[in-house]
Amino acid sequence: MATDVPDGFVCSRCGEFHAELPMCFGAEFPDYYFSIPINERARRVEIAESLCVIDEEHFFVRGRIELPVLNSEEIFCWNVWTTLSKDNFIQTNTVWNDPERVNEPAYFGWLQTSLPGYPETLNLKTAVHTQAVGLIPRVEIMDENHPLVLEQKQGIGWPRVVELVEAALHS
């Protein structure tokens, strides 16, 4: 039996009613970006919508962690950044607009986004799975000791969705 997205919620943190329950949150930049002084970013950082290079030696791609919502067709997602090796970053760019890119093997990376509502997620091991053209990669967490791995594999209920939304809205 599938359940629909709730029609809003009362936030336990601010006490306000939120009419919508957002199902996706994202980071605009990889965490490493914030270690670059503001006055040096224009010179040292190259960033596009889903790709980032810092100092011509640190390579990042934006991807999506998907958490299935139990008894539902819904997916809660985090848009995140992960590292790639230089070779994998070059390959990603090479096949970026190629429909055959879905046949690429998963790339190894380190998560470069801290997610609210979890123990620290920065630098968790990841597998980056290339998707069809127009879709950002799917990111699979590989650190078996982190609760995000279980939620990614087993799914989450609506109360946990609300908890994550509250954490994201108030982080």
Protein backbone atom coordinates (compact mmCIF):
# COMPACT_ATOMS: atom_id res chain seq x y z
CA MET A 1 0.00 0.00 0.00
CA ALA A 2 1.61 3.25 -1.13
CA THR A 3 1.29 6.38 0.94
CA ASP A 4 1.31 9.88 -0.50
CA VAL A 5 3.57 12.76 0.45
CA PRO A 6 2.17 14.45 3.57
CA ASP A 7 0.41 17.79 3.00
CA GLY A 8 2.96 19.72 5.05
CA PHE A 9 4.13 19.46 8.63
CA VAL A 10 4.58 21.42 11.83
CA CYS A 11 8.31 21.90 12.31
CA SER A 12 9.56 20.69 15.69
CA ARG A 13 12.41 23.21 15.53
CA CYS A 14 10.61 26.47 14.70
CA GLY A 15 7.02 25.52 15.51
CA GLU A 16 5.76 26.80 12.14
CA PHE A 17 3.55 24.92 9.71
CA HIS A 18 5.32 24.30 6.39
CA ALA A 19 2.78 23.66 3.63
CA GLU A 20 5.22 21.64 1.53
CA LEU A 21 7.55 18.81 2.37
CA PRO A 22 10.65 19.33 0.19
CA MET A 23 12.03 16.01 -1.03
CA CYS A 24 15.46 17.18 -2.23
CA PHE A 25 18.21 19.33 -0.76
CA GLY A 26 21.59 20.11 -2.17
CA ALA A 27 24.96 21.70 -1.71
CA GLU A 28 25.99 24.45 -4.08
CA PHE A 29 29.71 23.74 -3.67
CA PRO A 30 31.97 20.90 -2.50
CA ASP A 31 33.07 21.38 1.10
CA TYR A 32 36.69 21.89 0.03
CA TYR A 33 35.60 25.06 -1.80
CA PHE A 34 35.08 26.79 1.54
CA SER A 35 38.74 26.24 2.50
CA ILE A 36 39.74 28.60 -0.33
CA PRO A 37 39.87 32.25 0.82
CA ILE A 38 37.03 34.26 -0.72
CA ASN A 39 39.40 36.66 -2.46
CA GLU A 40 41.20 33.71 -4.16
CA ARG A 41 38.20 31.70 -5.37
CA ALA A 42 37.83 33.41 -8.76
CA ARG A 43 41.46 32.56 -9.58
CA ARG A 44 41.68 29.07 -8.06
CA VAL A 45 38.21 27.55 -8.62
CA GLU A 46 36.56 26.52 -11.88
CA ILE A 47 32.95 25.55 -11.31
CA ALA A 48 30.09 24.64 -13.58
CA GLU A 49 26.66 23.35 -12.59
CA SER A 50 27.87 19.84 -11.79
CA LEU A 51 31.66 19.92 -12.15
CA CYS A 52 34.35 21.66 -10.11
CA VAL A 53 38.15 21.90 -10.24
CA ILE A 54 40.21 23.58 -7.53
CA ASP A 55 43.85 24.52 -8.09
CA GLU A 56 43.87 22.27 -11.17
CA GLU A 57 44.46 19.30 -8.84
CA HIS A 58 41.23 18.66 -6.89
CA PHE A 59 38.34 17.32 -9.00
CA PHE A 60 34.68 17.11 -8.00
CA VAL A 61 31.38 16.05 -9.51
CA ARG A 62 27.88 16.74 -8.22
CA GLY A 63 25.70 13.69 -7.72
CA ARG A 64 22.60 12.48 -5.93
CA ILE A 65 22.13 10.25 -2.90
CA GLU A 66 18.67 8.69 -3.10
CA LEU A 67 16.78 7.40 -0.08
CA PRO A 68 13.64 5.43 -0.96
CA VAL A 69 10.62 6.31 1.18
CA LEU A 70 9.03 3.17 2.61
CA ASN A 71 5.55 2.22 1.37
CA SER A 72 5.76 4.96 -1.23
CA GLU A 73 6.95 5.67 -4.74
CA GLU A 74 8.76 8.75 -3.40
CA ILE A 75 12.50 9.29 -3.14
CA PHE A 76 14.17 11.68 -0.69
CA CYS A 77 17.43 12.95 -2.14
CA TRP A 78 20.55 14.84 -1.27
CA ASN A 79 22.44 16.55 -4.09
CA VAL A 80 26.05 16.24 -3.01
CA TRP A 81 29.61 16.63 -4.25
CA THR A 82 32.17 13.87 -4.36
CA THR A 83 35.81 13.79 -5.39
CA LEU A 84 37.02 12.05 -8.52
CA SER A 85 40.55 11.15 -9.54
CA LYS A 86 41.95 13.30 -12.34
CA ASP A 87 41.61 10.40 -14.81
CA ASN A 88 37.98 9.73 -13.83
CA PHE A 89 37.19 13.44 -13.98
CA ILE A 90 38.64 13.64 -17.50
CA GLN A 91 36.64 10.54 -18.49
CA THR A 92 33.48 12.07 -16.99
CA ASN A 93 34.00 15.17 -19.12
CA THR A 94 34.75 13.08 -22.20
CA VAL A 95 31.46 11.15 -21.99
CA TRP A 96 29.32 13.93 -20.43
CA ASN A 97 27.05 14.26 -23.51
CA ASP A 98 27.42 10.68 -24.79
CA PRO A 99 24.29 8.49 -24.41
CA GLU A 100 26.61 5.50 -23.92
CA ARG A 101 27.94 7.02 -20.70
CA VAL A 102 25.47 4.87 -18.76
CA ASN A 103 27.83 1.97 -19.49
CA GLU A 104 30.70 3.57 -17.55
CA PRO A 105 31.86 1.65 -14.48
CA ALA A 106 31.31 3.34 -11.12
CA TYR A 107 34.02 5.78 -10.12
CA PHE A 108 35.49 5.87 -6.61
CA GLY A 109 35.26 9.13 -4.67
CA TRP A 110 35.14 10.76 -1.25
CA LEU A 111 31.95 12.57 -0.24
CA GLN A 112 32.54 16.32 -0.06
CA THR A 113 29.26 17.40 1.49
CA SER A 114 28.30 17.46 5.16
CA LEU A 115 24.67 16.39 5.49
CA PRO A 116 22.54 17.58 8.40
CA GLY A 117 20.76 14.93 10.45
CA TYR A 118 23.66 12.47 10.39
CA PRO A 119 26.99 11.89 12.07
CA GLU A 120 29.66 13.59 9.92
CA THR A 121 29.37 12.55 6.27
CA LEU A 122 32.40 14.43 4.94
CA ASN A 123 34.94 12.08 3.34
CA LEU A 124 32.78 8.94 3.35
CA LYS A 125 33.78 6.50 0.60
CA THR A 126 31.50 6.64 -2.44
CA ALA A 127 30.82 4.90 -5.72
CA VAL A 128 29.71 7.39 -8.39
CA HIS A 129 27.35 5.81 -10.93
CA THR A 130 26.96 7.67 -14.22
CA GLN A 131 23.33 8.15 -15.31
CA ALA A 132 21.67 9.03 -18.62
CA VAL A 133 22.60 12.32 -20.27
CA GLY A 134 20.90 15.18 -18.43
CA LEU A 135 20.96 13.40 -15.06
CA ILE A 136 23.64 13.86 -12.44
CA PRO A 137 25.36 10.70 -11.20
CA ARG A 138 23.88 8.52 -8.48
CA VAL A 139 26.13 8.41 -5.44
CA GLU A 140 26.31 5.22 -3.40
CA ILE A 141 27.81 5.46 0.09
CA MET A 142 30.34 2.68 0.67
CA ASP A 143 31.15 3.18 4.38
CA GLU A 144 29.24 0.27 5.94
CA ASN A 145 29.51 1.74 9.46
CA HIS A 146 27.57 4.91 8.65
CA PRO A 147 23.76 5.14 9.17
CA LEU A 148 23.36 6.78 5.75
CA VAL A 149 24.31 3.43 4.17
CA LEU A 150 21.39 1.65 5.84
CA GLU A 151 18.94 4.39 4.91
CA GLN A 152 20.14 4.28 1.32
CA LYS A 153 19.73 0.50 1.14
CA GLN A 154 16.65 -0.05 3.33
CA GLY A 155 14.75 3.22 2.90
CA ILE A 156 13.25 5.64 5.40
CA GLY A 157 9.74 6.32 6.72
CA TRP A 158 7.86 9.62 6.58
CA PRO A 159 8.82 10.57 10.17
CA ARG A 160 12.50 10.32 9.20
CA VAL A 161 11.84 12.37 6.03
CA VAL A 162 10.35 15.13 8.21
CA GLU A 163 13.31 14.89 10.58
CA LEU A 164 15.79 15.29 7.70
CA VAL A 165 13.79 18.17 6.21
CA GLU A 166 13.80 19.95 9.58
CA ALA A 167 17.55 19.41 9.92
CA ALA A 168 18.16 20.72 6.38
CA LEU A 169 15.89 23.75 6.80
CA HIS A 170 17.53 24.73 10.08
CA SER A 171 21.19 23.86 9.47
